[in-house]
């Protein structure tokens, strides 16, 4: 494998057809002292784990082949893997989130997977607490840490920490949600752009959840959320060069990535995402946060008769391409990252 700091692109073999749906604890049997499942009710700290020279980061867009590459790199580094994927935290949602298979987890310890039920919400602060616990345990075992995933919000929190933003206000939140339902999220996006252009540029016009939160924070705090974030973040890792200099990014030519996304989505629907969704519905449902994973909202719409199979597949492909585009836009800002080209 050749490493090149220039943002050049290359192709890699396709991912396996689909992940195993066998649940697994955070560390796996090979962890040599696996971390117990996280009690999310006890996760209150939002301080990121301290990055040091024992930490590496592997990122890239969805369907770029990060999992197989991560295992190979972790073996070379004598590291354990900490997932940086906001959808992989949900138990039982394995196919649509392309989690590592049971065999891959047995081959290399993975952390921060399968932390909560699909019906639950899960915040970036909770992920930071789980990651901090995992990193501490890995260091006690004398191993390096390889953070793997492409969720920009999680990566940003790992780099910057979190600002002490106001708690949710149910009255404001319900009002904004009603406005989004009546007028569409694009109306909220226009309002956000007027009061907080930085947040408006960052949040997609159809992302109602994040639009509501940004407007809610601005109303409670009396200033834009981006300003609250910038002045209040912990900067726990801001002085560390590790995040960029030991950050690996895998990327593919657009045509090849699009083809891989198509094949992955087709494999998801052929491999059981509909049955997986039905099982989650029977055992508590899939909450609004978990539904953000491409494929599950479409599977629900298919099950409830609002979409045909072909339409569900095409819509999932479109959402996956949009996700890949957002991930790459964010990742390309890291000029000193090591771009993997061979």
C-alpha atoms as a PDB file:
ATOM      1  CA  UNK A   1       0.000   0.000   0.000  1.00  0.00           C
ATOM      2  CA  UNK A   2       1.491   3.347  -1.044  1.00  0.00           C
ATOM      3  CA  UNK A   3       0.724   6.465   0.935  1.00  0.00           C
ATOM      4  CA  UNK A   4       0.613   9.862  -0.747  1.00  0.00           C
ATOM      5  CA  UNK A   5      -0.217  13.209   0.834  1.00  0.00           C
ATOM      6  CA  UNK A   6      -1.692  14.513  -2.423  1.00  0.00           C
ATOM      7  CA  UNK A   7      -5.511  14.203  -2.733  1.00  0.00           C
ATOM      8  CA  UNK A   8      -5.356  11.773  -5.633  1.00  0.00           C
ATOM      9  CA  UNK A   9      -7.966   9.091  -6.165  1.00  0.00           C
ATOM     10  CA  UNK A  10      -7.849   5.373  -6.905  1.00  0.00           C
ATOM     11  CA  UNK A  11     -10.114   2.355  -6.962  1.00  0.00           C
ATOM     12  CA  UNK A  12     -10.310  -0.577  -4.573  1.00  0.00           C
ATOM     13  CA  UNK A  13     -12.101  -3.906  -4.727  1.00  0.00           C
ATOM     14  CA  UNK A  14     -15.783  -3.950  -3.849  1.00  0.00           C
ATOM     15  CA  UNK A  15     -16.951  -4.614  -0.313  1.00  0.00           C
ATOM     16  CA  UNK A  16     -18.424  -7.978   0.630  1.00  0.00           C
ATOM     17  CA  UNK A  17     -22.084  -8.330  -0.281  1.00  0.00           C
ATOM     18  CA  UNK A  18     -23.316  -7.509   3.201  1.00  0.00           C
ATOM     19  CA  UNK A  19     -22.433  -7.616   6.879  1.00  0.00           C
ATOM     20  CA  UNK A  20     -23.400 -10.247   9.374  1.00  0.00           C
ATOM     21  CA  UNK A  21     -26.370  -9.461  11.563  1.00  0.00           C
ATOM     22  CA  UNK A  22     -24.853 -11.246  14.562  1.00  0.00           C
ATOM     23  CA  UNK A  23     -24.736  -8.738  17.451  1.00  0.00           C
ATOM     24  CA  UNK A  24     -21.405  -8.163  19.153  1.00  0.00           C
ATOM     25  CA  UNK A  25     -20.201  -6.376  22.276  1.00  0.00           C
ATOM     26  CA  UNK A  26     -18.037  -3.319  21.860  1.00  0.00           C
ATOM     27  CA  UNK A  27     -14.682  -5.022  22.112  1.00  0.00           C
ATOM     28  CA  UNK A  28     -15.238  -8.522  20.748  1.00  0.00           C
ATOM     29  CA  UNK A  29     -13.786 -11.763  22.058  1.00  0.00           C
ATOM     30  CA  UNK A  30     -10.344 -10.921  20.736  1.00  0.00           C
ATOM     31  CA  UNK A  31     -10.031  -7.716  22.714  1.00  0.00           C
ATOM     32  CA  UNK A  32      -8.154  -9.306  25.589  1.00  0.00           C
ATOM     33  CA  UNK A  33     -10.465  -7.708  28.162  1.00  0.00           C
ATOM     34  CA  UNK A  34     -13.451  -6.465  26.197  1.00  0.00           C
ATOM     35  CA  UNK A  35     -15.327  -3.393  27.323  1.00  0.00           C
ATOM     36  CA  UNK A  36     -18.800  -4.135  28.683  1.00  0.00           C
ATOM     37  CA  UNK A  37     -21.803  -2.689  26.805  1.00  0.00           C
ATOM     38  CA  UNK A  38     -22.076   1.016  27.586  1.00  0.00           C
ATOM     39  CA  UNK A  39     -24.737   2.250  30.018  1.00  0.00           C
ATOM     40  CA  UNK A  40     -25.754   5.336  28.066  1.00  0.00           C
ATOM     41  CA  UNK A  41     -27.702   6.754  31.010  1.00  0.00           C
ATOM     42  CA  UNK A  42     -24.355   7.228  32.769  1.00  0.00           C
ATOM     43  CA  UNK A  43     -22.628   8.965  29.862  1.00  0.00           C
ATOM     44  CA  UNK A  44     -22.508  12.639  30.783  1.00  0.00           C
ATOM     45  CA  UNK A  45     -18.996  13.792  29.897  1.00  0.00           C
ATOM     46  CA  UNK A  46     -18.384  15.372  26.494  1.00  0.00           C
ATOM     47  CA  UNK A  47     -14.596  15.566  26.698  1.00  0.00           C
ATOM     48  CA  UNK A  48     -12.902  13.820  23.756  1.00  0.00           C
ATOM     49  CA  UNK A  49     -10.141  11.272  24.325  1.00  0.00           C
ATOM     50  CA  UNK A  50      -6.724  12.913  24.230  1.00  0.00           C
ATOM     51  CA  UNK A  51      -5.093  12.318  20.851  1.00  0.00           C
ATOM     52  CA  UNK A  52      -1.442  11.326  20.912  1.00  0.00           C
ATOM     53  CA  UNK A  53       1.070   9.608  18.660  1.00  0.00           C
ATOM     54  CA  UNK A  54      -0.605   6.268  19.460  1.00  0.00           C
ATOM     55  CA  UNK A  55      -3.751   7.452  17.626  1.00  0.00           C
ATOM     56  CA  UNK A  56      -4.465   7.157  13.910  1.00  0.00           C
ATOM     57  CA  UNK A  57      -7.620   8.067  11.978  1.00  0.00           C
ATOM     58  CA  UNK A  58      -8.952   6.344   8.849  1.00  0.00           C
ATOM     59  CA  UNK A  59     -11.818   8.049   7.064  1.00  0.00           C
ATOM     60  CA  UNK A  60     -13.435   8.302   3.655  1.00  0.00           C
ATOM     61  CA  UNK A  61     -16.866   8.311   2.027  1.00  0.00           C
ATOM     62  CA  UNK A  62     -19.452   5.603   2.425  1.00  0.00           C
ATOM     63  CA  UNK A  63     -18.731   2.452   0.375  1.00  0.00           C
ATOM     64  CA  UNK A  64     -15.045   3.350  -0.057  1.00  0.00           C
ATOM     65  CA  UNK A  65     -13.909   0.079   1.542  1.00  0.00           C
ATOM     66  CA  UNK A  66     -12.783   1.383   4.928  1.00  0.00           C
ATOM     67  CA  UNK A  67     -13.547  -1.750   6.969  1.00  0.00           C
ATOM     68  CA  UNK A  68     -11.236  -4.208   5.216  1.00  0.00           C
ATOM     69  CA  UNK A  69      -8.508  -1.584   4.927  1.00  0.00           C
ATOM     70  CA  UNK A  70      -8.871  -0.682   8.606  1.00  0.00           C
ATOM     71  CA  UNK A  71      -8.251  -4.266   9.696  1.00  0.00           C
ATOM     72  CA  UNK A  72      -5.092  -4.448   7.577  1.00  0.00           C
ATOM     73  CA  UNK A  73      -3.816  -1.118   8.925  1.00  0.00           C
ATOM     74  CA  UNK A  74      -4.687  -2.020  12.525  1.00  0.00           C
ATOM     75  CA  UNK A  75      -2.633  -5.197  12.215  1.00  0.00           C
ATOM     76  CA  UNK A  76       0.345  -3.193  10.937  1.00  0.00           C
ATOM     77  CA  UNK A  77      -0.020  -0.681  13.785  1.00  0.00           C
ATOM     78  CA  UNK A  78      -0.790  -3.262  16.493  1.00  0.00           C
ATOM     79  CA  UNK A  79      -3.957  -1.248  17.112  1.00  0.00           C
ATOM     80  CA  UNK A  80      -7.604  -1.761  18.021  1.00  0.00           C
ATOM     81  CA  UNK A  81     -10.416  -0.073  16.102  1.00  0.00           C
ATOM     82  CA  UNK A  82     -12.788   2.575  17.480  1.00  0.00           C
ATOM     83  CA  UNK A  83     -15.798   3.169  15.216  1.00  0.00           C
ATOM     84  CA  UNK A  84     -16.534   6.779  14.240  1.00  0.00           C
ATOM     85  CA  UNK A  85     -19.910   5.973  12.672  1.00  0.00           C
ATOM     86  CA  UNK A  86     -23.081   7.524  14.082  1.00  0.00           C
ATOM     87  CA  UNK A  87     -25.290   4.743  12.716  1.00  0.00           C
ATOM     88  CA  UNK A  88     -23.151   1.769  13.794  1.00  0.00           C
ATOM     89  CA  UNK A  89     -24.070   2.474  17.424  1.00  0.00           C
ATOM     90  CA  UNK A  90     -27.516   0.903  16.872  1.00  0.00           C
ATOM     91  CA  UNK A  91     -27.950  -2.750  17.779  1.00  0.00           C
ATOM     92  CA  UNK A  92     -29.578  -4.912  15.127  1.00  0.00           C
ATOM     93  CA  UNK A  93     -29.158  -2.395  12.292  1.00  0.00           C
ATOM     94  CA  UNK A  94     -26.285  -4.223  10.656  1.00  0.00           C
ATOM     95  CA  UNK A  95     -27.066  -4.506   6.959  1.00  0.00           C
ATOM     96  CA  UNK A  96     -27.963  -0.885   6.269  1.00  0.00           C
ATOM     97  CA  UNK A  97     -25.029   0.425   8.316  1.00  0.00           C
ATOM     98  CA  UNK A  98     -22.507  -1.982   6.721  1.00  0.00           C
ATOM     99  CA  UNK A  99     -21.061  -2.955  10.088  1.00  0.00           C
ATOM    100  CA  UNK A 100     -18.001  -5.209  10.249  1.00  0.00           C
ATOM    101  CA  UNK A 101     -19.004  -8.842  10.009  1.00  0.00           C
ATOM    102  CA  UNK A 102     -18.740 -11.247  12.933  1.00  0.00           C
ATOM    103  CA  UNK A 103     -15.596 -12.655  11.309  1.00  0.00           C
ATOM    104  CA  UNK A 104     -14.040  -9.190  10.953  1.00  0.00           C
ATOM    105  CA  UNK A 105     -14.822  -8.388  14.583  1.00  0.00           C
ATOM    106  CA  UNK A 106     -13.271 -11.671  15.682  1.00  0.00           C
ATOM    107  CA  UNK A 107     -10.158 -10.872  13.639  1.00  0.00           C
ATOM    108  CA  UNK A 108      -9.752  -7.379  15.106  1.00  0.00           C
ATOM    109  CA  UNK A 109     -11.299  -5.780  18.217  1.00  0.00           C
ATOM    110  CA  UNK A 110     -13.883  -3.119  17.340  1.00  0.00           C
ATOM    111  CA  UNK A 111     -15.304  -0.597  19.823  1.00  0.00           C
ATOM    112  CA  UNK A 112     -18.294   1.762  19.878  1.00  0.00           C
ATOM    113  CA  UNK A 113     -20.567  -0.619  17.964  1.00  0.00           C
ATOM    114  CA  UNK A 114     -24.033  -1.807  19.067  1.00  0.00           C
ATOM    115  CA  UNK A 115     -24.356   0.579  22.002  1.00  0.00           C
ATOM    116  CA  UNK A 116     -28.112   1.337  22.008  1.00  0.00           C
ATOM    117  CA  UNK A 117     -31.441   0.106  20.652  1.00  0.00           C
ATOM    118  CA  UNK A 118     -32.648   1.577  17.326  1.00  0.00           C
ATOM    119  CA  UNK A 119     -35.551   3.295  19.102  1.00  0.00           C
ATOM    120  CA  UNK A 120     -33.181   5.385  21.244  1.00  0.00           C
ATOM    121  CA  UNK A 121     -31.540   8.683  20.455  1.00  0.00           C
ATOM    122  CA  UNK A 122     -27.756   8.815  20.709  1.00  0.00           C
ATOM    123  CA  UNK A 123     -25.804  12.044  20.914  1.00  0.00           C
ATOM    124  CA  UNK A 124     -22.287  12.975  19.929  1.00  0.00           C
ATOM    125  CA  UNK A 125     -21.591  13.609  23.626  1.00  0.00           C
ATOM    126  CA  UNK A 126     -22.512   9.998  24.390  1.00  0.00           C
ATOM    127  CA  UNK A 127     -20.236   8.813  21.599  1.00  0.00           C
ATOM    128  CA  UNK A 128     -17.346  10.866  22.971  1.00  0.00           C
ATOM    129  CA  UNK A 129     -17.831   9.289  26.391  1.00  0.00           C
ATOM    130  CA  UNK A 130     -17.918   5.788  24.898  1.00  0.00           C
ATOM    131  CA  UNK A 131     -14.832   6.546  22.769  1.00  0.00           C
ATOM    132  CA  UNK A 132     -12.978   7.931  25.773  1.00  0.00           C
ATOM    133  CA  UNK A 133     -13.711   4.729  27.715  1.00  0.00           C
ATOM    134  CA  UNK A 134     -12.624   2.552  24.796  1.00  0.00           C
ATOM    135  CA  UNK A 135      -9.379   4.483  24.256  1.00  0.00           C
ATOM    136  CA  UNK A 136      -8.478   4.240  27.948  1.00  0.00           C
ATOM    137  CA  UNK A 137      -9.008   0.460  27.890  1.00  0.00           C
ATOM    138  CA  UNK A 138      -6.990   0.046  24.677  1.00  0.00           C
ATOM    139  CA  UNK A 139      -4.108   2.026  26.155  1.00  0.00           C
ATOM    140  CA  UNK A 140      -4.143  -0.138  29.273  1.00  0.00           C
ATOM    141  CA  UNK A 141      -3.588  -3.118  26.978  1.00  0.00           C
ATOM    142  CA  UNK A 142      -0.586  -1.378  25.422  1.00  0.00           C
ATOM    143  CA  UNK A 143      -2.173  -1.104  21.971  1.00  0.00           C
ATOM    144  CA  UNK A 144      -2.479   1.781  19.524  1.00  0.00           C
ATOM    145  CA  UNK A 145      -5.847   3.262  18.552  1.00  0.00           C
ATOM    146  CA  UNK A 146      -7.263   3.434  15.022  1.00  0.00           C
ATOM    147  CA  UNK A 147     -10.393   5.585  14.716  1.00  0.00           C
ATOM    148  CA  UNK A 148     -12.366   4.427  11.658  1.00  0.00           C
ATOM    149  CA  UNK A 149     -15.409   6.080  10.120  1.00  0.00           C
ATOM    150  CA  UNK A 150     -16.810   8.905   8.080  1.00  0.00           C
ATOM    151  CA  UNK A 151     -19.295  10.760  10.311  1.00  0.00           C
ATOM    152  CA  UNK A 152     -18.112  14.393  10.107  1.00  0.00           C
ATOM    153  CA  UNK A 153     -19.864  15.444  13.335  1.00  0.00           C
ATOM    154  CA  UNK A 154     -18.106  12.702  15.301  1.00  0.00           C
ATOM    155  CA  UNK A 155     -14.751  13.454  13.690  1.00  0.00           C
ATOM    156  CA  UNK A 156     -15.167  17.155  14.384  1.00  0.00           C
ATOM    157  CA  UNK A 157     -15.994  16.458  18.034  1.00  0.00           C
ATOM    158  CA  UNK A 158     -12.934  14.190  18.278  1.00  0.00           C
ATOM    159  CA  UNK A 159     -10.790  17.033  16.979  1.00  0.00           C
ATOM    160  CA  UNK A 160     -12.422  20.000  18.756  1.00  0.00           C
ATOM    161  CA  UNK A 161     -14.494  18.697  21.639  1.00  0.00           C
ATOM    162  CA  UNK A 162     -18.017  19.993  22.212  1.00  0.00           C
ATOM    163  CA  UNK A 163     -19.361  23.380  23.120  1.00  0.00           C
ATOM    164  CA  UNK A 164     -21.667  23.615  26.147  1.00  0.00           C
ATOM    165  CA  UNK A 165     -24.791  24.291  24.074  1.00  0.00           C
ATOM    166  CA  UNK A 166     -28.168  24.800  25.772  1.00  0.00           C
ATOM    167  CA  UNK A 167     -30.314  21.808  26.658  1.00  0.00           C
ATOM    168  CA  UNK A 168     -33.346  21.010  24.532  1.00  0.00           C
ATOM    169  CA  UNK A 169     -36.505  23.031  25.084  1.00  0.00           C
ATOM    170  CA  UNK A 170     -39.556  20.845  24.312  1.00  0.00           C
ATOM    171  CA  UNK A 171     -41.869  23.815  23.700  1.00  0.00           C
ATOM    172  CA  UNK A 172     -39.558  25.474  21.160  1.00  0.00           C
ATOM    173  CA  UNK A 173     -38.715  22.118  19.603  1.00  0.00           C
ATOM    174  CA  UNK A 174     -42.371  21.152  19.137  1.00  0.00           C
ATOM    175  CA  UNK A 175     -43.170  24.520  17.585  1.00  0.00           C
ATOM    176  CA  UNK A 176     -40.285  24.251  15.117  1.00  0.00           C
ATOM    177  CA  UNK A 177     -41.191  20.655  14.289  1.00  0.00           C
ATOM    178  CA  UNK A 178     -44.775  21.730  13.548  1.00  0.00           C
ATOM    179  CA  UNK A 179     -43.463  24.486  11.274  1.00  0.00           C
ATOM    180  CA  UNK A 180     -41.236  22.009   9.456  1.00  0.00           C
ATOM    181  CA  UNK A 181     -44.202  19.664   8.966  1.00  0.00           C
ATOM    182  CA  UNK A 182     -46.448  22.462   7.707  1.00  0.00           C
ATOM    183  CA  UNK A 183     -44.025  24.391   5.483  1.00  0.00           C
ATOM    184  CA  UNK A 184     -41.235  21.903   4.849  1.00  0.00           C
ATOM    185  CA  UNK A 185     -37.672  21.929   6.193  1.00  0.00           C
ATOM    186  CA  UNK A 186     -36.533  24.259   3.412  1.00  0.00           C
ATOM    187  CA  UNK A 187     -38.441  27.089   5.099  1.00  0.00           C
ATOM    188  CA  UNK A 188     -36.486  26.494   8.309  1.00  0.00           C
ATOM    189  CA  UNK A 189     -33.281  26.392   6.292  1.00  0.00           C
ATOM    190  CA  UNK A 190     -34.011  29.821   4.797  1.00  0.00           C
ATOM    191  CA  UNK A 191     -34.596  31.217   8.286  1.00  0.00           C
ATOM    192  CA  UNK A 192     -31.367  29.666   9.550  1.00  0.00           C
ATOM    193  CA  UNK A 193     -29.357  31.078   6.660  1.00  0.00           C
ATOM    194  CA  UNK A 194     -30.615  34.548   7.585  1.00  0.00           C
ATOM    195  CA  UNK A 195     -29.535  34.345  11.236  1.00  0.00           C
ATOM    196  CA  UNK A 196     -26.600  31.909  11.043  1.00  0.00           C
ATOM    197  CA  UNK A 197     -25.068  31.700   7.555  1.00  0.00           C
ATOM    198  CA  UNK A 198     -22.282  29.372   8.738  1.00  0.00           C
ATOM    199  CA  UNK A 199     -24.741  26.808  10.098  1.00  0.00           C
ATOM    200  CA  UNK A 200     -26.980  27.287   7.056  1.00  0.00           C
ATOM    201  CA  UNK A 201     -24.097  26.434   4.752  1.00  0.00           C
ATOM    202  CA  UNK A 202     -23.242  23.342   6.798  1.00  0.00           C
ATOM    203  CA  UNK A 203     -26.728  21.861   7.272  1.00  0.00           C
ATOM    204  CA  UNK A 204     -28.619  20.340   4.345  1.00  0.00           C
ATOM    205  CA  UNK A 205     -31.957  22.056   3.541  1.00  0.00           C
ATOM    206  CA  UNK A 206     -33.809  18.749   4.061  1.00  0.00           C
ATOM    207  CA  UNK A 207     -32.152  17.829   7.366  1.00  0.00           C
ATOM    208  CA  UNK A 208     -35.085  18.828   9.601  1.00  0.00           C
ATOM    209  CA  UNK A 209     -33.555  17.418  12.787  1.00  0.00           C
ATOM    210  CA  UNK A 210     -30.383  19.499  12.624  1.00  0.00           C
ATOM    211  CA  UNK A 211     -32.227  22.590  11.344  1.00  0.00           C
ATOM    212  CA  UNK A 212     -34.585  22.446  14.316  1.00  0.00           C
ATOM    213  CA  UNK A 213     -31.675  22.079  16.726  1.00  0.00           C
ATOM    214  CA  UNK A 214     -29.765  25.006  15.219  1.00  0.00           C
ATOM    215  CA  UNK A 215     -32.788  27.302  15.400  1.00  0.00           C
ATOM    216  CA  UNK A 216     -33.606  26.079  18.902  1.00  0.00           C
ATOM    217  CA  UNK A 217     -30.098  26.845  20.176  1.00  0.00           C
ATOM    218  CA  UNK A 218     -30.119  30.280  18.556  1.00  0.00           C
ATOM    219  CA  UNK A 219     -33.452  31.125  20.170  1.00  0.00           C
ATOM    220  CA  UNK A 220     -32.419  29.933  23.645  1.00  0.00           C
ATOM    221  CA  UNK A 221     -28.883  31.350  23.591  1.00  0.00           C
ATOM    222  CA  UNK A 222     -29.753  34.590  21.842  1.00  0.00           C
ATOM    223  CA  UNK A 223     -26.912  34.127  19.354  1.00  0.00           C
ATOM    224  CA  UNK A 224     -26.172  31.810  16.395  1.00  0.00           C
ATOM    225  CA  UNK A 225     -25.313  28.209  17.139  1.00  0.00           C
ATOM    226  CA  UNK A 226     -22.072  28.474  15.144  1.00  0.00           C
ATOM    227  CA  UNK A 227     -21.021  31.330  17.448  1.00  0.00           C
ATOM    228  CA  UNK A 228     -21.937  29.314  20.540  1.00  0.00           C
ATOM    229  CA  UNK A 229     -19.892  26.425  19.198  1.00  0.00           C
ATOM    230  CA  UNK A 230     -16.858  28.496  18.240  1.00  0.00           C
ATOM    231  CA  UNK A 231     -16.588  30.332  21.560  1.00  0.00           C
ATOM    232  CA  UNK A 232     -17.483  27.436  23.818  1.00  0.00           C
ATOM    233  CA  UNK A 233     -15.765  24.348  22.402  1.00  0.00           C
ATOM    234  CA  UNK A 234     -13.270  22.622  24.639  1.00  0.00           C
ATOM    235  CA  UNK A 235     -10.343  22.698  22.177  1.00  0.00           C
ATOM    236  CA  UNK A 236      -9.081  19.569  23.946  1.00  0.00           C
ATOM    237  CA  UNK A 237      -7.144  18.431  20.875  1.00  0.00           C
ATOM    238  CA  UNK A 238      -6.711  21.727  19.024  1.00  0.00           C
ATOM    239  CA  UNK A 239      -2.987  21.914  19.777  1.00  0.00           C
ATOM    240  CA  UNK A 240      -2.318  18.321  18.754  1.00  0.00           C
ATOM    241  CA  UNK A 241      -1.033  17.713  15.228  1.00  0.00           C
ATOM    242  CA  UNK A 242      -2.167  14.089  15.442  1.00  0.00           C
ATOM    243  CA  UNK A 243      -5.628  14.594  13.971  1.00  0.00           C
ATOM    244  CA  UNK A 244      -4.389  15.810  10.598  1.00  0.00           C
ATOM    245  CA  UNK A 245      -0.892  14.363  10.353  1.00  0.00           C
ATOM    246  CA  UNK A 246      -2.005  10.863  11.341  1.00  0.00           C
ATOM    247  CA  UNK A 247      -5.276  10.984   9.423  1.00  0.00           C
ATOM    248  CA  UNK A 248      -5.641   8.618   6.478  1.00  0.00           C
ATOM    249  CA  UNK A 249      -8.312   9.263   3.846  1.00  0.00           C
ATOM    250  CA  UNK A 250      -9.348   6.670   1.275  1.00  0.00           C
ATOM    251  CA  UNK A 251     -11.046   8.034  -1.809  1.00  0.00           C
ATOM    252  CA  UNK A 252     -12.201   6.762  -5.197  1.00  0.00           C
ATOM    253  CA  UNK A 253     -12.958   8.250  -8.596  1.00  0.00           C
ATOM    254  CA  UNK A 254     -16.562   9.403  -8.663  1.00  0.00           C
ATOM    255  CA  UNK A 255     -17.664   6.813 -11.224  1.00  0.00           C
ATOM    256  CA  UNK A 256     -16.160   3.923  -9.270  1.00  0.00           C
ATOM    257  CA  UNK A 257     -17.562   5.174  -5.955  1.00  0.00           C
ATOM    258  CA  UNK A 258     -21.014   5.560  -7.512  1.00  0.00           C
ATOM    259  CA  UNK A 259     -20.835   2.019  -8.846  1.00  0.00           C
ATOM    260  CA  UNK A 260     -19.803   0.678  -5.454  1.00  0.00           C
ATOM    261  CA  UNK A 261     -22.688   2.530  -3.816  1.00  0.00           C
ATOM    262  CA  UNK A 262     -25.104   1.020  -6.326  1.00  0.00           C
ATOM    263  CA  UNK A 263     -23.815  -2.498  -5.687  1.00  0.00           C
ATOM    264  CA  UNK A 264     -23.837  -2.027  -1.920  1.00  0.00           C
ATOM    265  CA  UNK A 265     -27.442  -0.782  -1.902  1.00  0.00           C
ATOM    266  CA  UNK A 266     -28.605  -3.582  -4.186  1.00  0.00           C
ATOM    267  CA  UNK A 267     -26.859  -6.087  -1.909  1.00  0.00           C
ATOM    268  CA  UNK A 268     -28.535  -4.504   1.149  1.00  0.00           C
ATOM    269  CA  UNK A 269     -32.016  -5.053  -0.250  1.00  0.00           C
ATOM    270  CA  UNK A 270     -31.159  -8.515  -1.569  1.00  0.00           C
ATOM    271  CA  UNK A 271     -29.458  -9.428   1.702  1.00  0.00           C
ATOM    272  CA  UNK A 272     -32.236  -8.709   4.177  1.00  0.00           C
ATOM    273  CA  UNK A 273     -32.557  -5.030   5.094  1.00  0.00           C
ATOM    274  CA  UNK A 274     -36.333  -5.284   4.773  1.00  0.00           C
ATOM    275  CA  UNK A 275     -36.459  -8.231   7.178  1.00  0.00           C
ATOM    276  CA  UNK A 276     -33.994  -6.461   9.485  1.00  0.00           C
ATOM    277  CA  UNK A 277     -36.244  -3.389   9.513  1.00  0.00           C
ATOM    278  CA  UNK A 278     -39.323  -5.484  10.248  1.00  0.00           C
ATOM    279  CA  UNK A 279     -37.508  -7.112  13.172  1.00  0.00           C
ATOM    280  CA  UNK A 280     -36.532  -3.714  14.579  1.00  0.00           C
ATOM    281  CA  UNK A 281     -40.120  -2.485  14.273  1.00  0.00           C
ATOM    282  CA  UNK A 282     -41.368  -5.530  16.191  1.00  0.00           C
ATOM    283  CA  UNK A 283     -38.868  -5.006  19.020  1.00  0.00           C
ATOM    284  CA  UNK A 284     -39.364  -1.322  19.767  1.00  0.00           C
ATOM    285  CA  UNK A 285     -39.188   0.498  16.472  1.00  0.00           C
ATOM    286  CA  UNK A 286     -36.621   2.612  14.669  1.00  0.00           C
ATOM    287  CA  UNK A 287     -36.327   6.127  16.067  1.00  0.00           C
ATOM    288  CA  UNK A 288     -35.787   9.306  14.050  1.00  0.00           C
ATOM    289  CA  UNK A 289     -32.019   9.309  14.600  1.00  0.00           C
ATOM    290  CA  UNK A 290     -31.506   5.723  13.441  1.00  0.00           C
ATOM    291  CA  UNK A 291     -33.723   6.350  10.419  1.00  0.00           C
ATOM    292  CA  UNK A 292     -31.076   8.722   9.101  1.00  0.00           C
ATOM    293  CA  UNK A 293     -29.094   5.678   7.961  1.00  0.00           C
ATOM    294  CA  UNK A 294     -29.821   5.360   4.251  1.00  0.00           C
ATOM    295  CA  UNK A 295     -32.067   2.391   3.589  1.00  0.00           C
ATOM    296  CA  UNK A 296     -34.178   2.212   6.747  1.00  0.00           C
ATOM    297  CA  UNK A 297     -36.660   5.002   6.005  1.00  0.00           C
ATOM    298  CA  UNK A 298     -36.955   3.569   2.497  1.00  0.00           C
ATOM    299  CA  UNK A 299     -37.499   0.055   3.870  1.00  0.00           C
ATOM    300  CA  UNK A 300     -40.218   1.376   6.204  1.00  0.00           C
ATOM    301  CA  UNK A 301     -41.913   3.173   3.315  1.00  0.00           C
ATOM    302  CA  UNK A 302     -41.746  -0.033   1.292  1.00  0.00           C
ATOM    303  CA  UNK A 303     -43.203  -2.115   4.151  1.00  0.00           C
ATOM    304  CA  UNK A 304     -46.032   0.399   4.636  1.00  0.00           C
ATOM    305  CA  UNK A 305     -46.813   0.533   0.913  1.00  0.00           C
ATOM    306  CA  UNK A 306     -45.581   4.025   0.108  1.00  0.00           C
ATOM    307  CA  UNK A 307     -42.709   2.886  -2.124  1.00  0.00           C
ATOM    308  CA  UNK A 308     -42.114   0.043  -4.537  1.00  0.00           C
ATOM    309  CA  UNK A 309     -38.978  -2.065  -4.158  1.00  0.00           C
ATOM    310  CA  UNK A 310     -37.393  -0.405  -7.193  1.00  0.00           C
ATOM    311  CA  UNK A 311     -38.182   3.083  -5.870  1.00  0.00           C
ATOM    312  CA  UNK A 312     -36.826   2.234  -2.422  1.00  0.00           C
ATOM    313  CA  UNK A 313     -33.565   1.021  -3.942  1.00  0.00           C
ATOM    314  CA  UNK A 314     -33.154   4.090  -6.150  1.00  0.00           C
ATOM    315  CA  UNK A 315     -33.936   6.491  -3.317  1.00  0.00           C
ATOM    316  CA  UNK A 316     -31.404   4.754  -1.074  1.00  0.00           C
ATOM    317  CA  UNK A 317     -28.770   5.032  -3.792  1.00  0.00           C
ATOM    318  CA  UNK A 318     -29.470   8.752  -4.127  1.00  0.00           C
ATOM    319  CA  UNK A 319     -29.246   9.341  -0.370  1.00  0.00           C
ATOM    320  CA  UNK A 320     -26.001   7.359  -0.195  1.00  0.00           C
ATOM    321  CA  UNK A 321     -24.436   9.435  -2.978  1.00  0.00           C
ATOM    322  CA  UNK A 322     -25.501  12.629  -1.203  1.00  0.00           C
ATOM    323  CA  UNK A 323     -23.905  11.364   2.000  1.00  0.00           C
ATOM    324  CA  UNK A 324     -20.658  10.521   0.187  1.00  0.00           C
ATOM    325  CA  UNK A 325     -20.569  14.005  -1.335  1.00  0.00           C
ATOM    326  CA  UNK A 326     -20.997  15.668   2.084  1.00  0.00           C
ATOM    327  CA  UNK A 327     -18.318  13.461   3.618  1.00  0.00           C
ATOM    328  CA  UNK A 328     -15.818  14.232   0.869  1.00  0.00           C
ATOM    329  CA  UNK A 329     -16.520  17.958   1.016  1.00  0.00           C
ATOM    330  CA  UNK A 330     -15.608  17.964   4.698  1.00  0.00           C
ATOM    331  CA  UNK A 331     -12.616  15.630   4.382  1.00  0.00           C
ATOM    332  CA  UNK A 332     -11.028  17.622   1.550  1.00  0.00           C
ATOM    333  CA  UNK A 333     -10.473  20.494   3.969  1.00  0.00           C
ATOM    334  CA  UNK A 334      -7.643  18.485   5.558  1.00  0.00           C
ATOM    335  CA  UNK A 335      -4.764  19.253   3.218  1.00  0.00           C
ATOM    336  CA  UNK A 336      -2.146  17.586   5.424  1.00  0.00           C
ATOM    337  CA  UNK A 337      -4.015  14.276   5.718  1.00  0.00           C
ATOM    338  CA  UNK A 338      -2.451  11.216   4.136  1.00  0.00           C
ATOM    339  CA  UNK A 339      -4.526  10.293   1.080  1.00  0.00           C
ATOM    340  CA  UNK A 340      -4.330   6.601   0.272  1.00  0.00           C
ATOM    341  CA  UNK A 341      -3.778   6.099  -3.434  1.00  0.00           C
ATOM    342  CA  UNK A 342      -2.655   2.519  -3.891  1.00  0.00           C
END
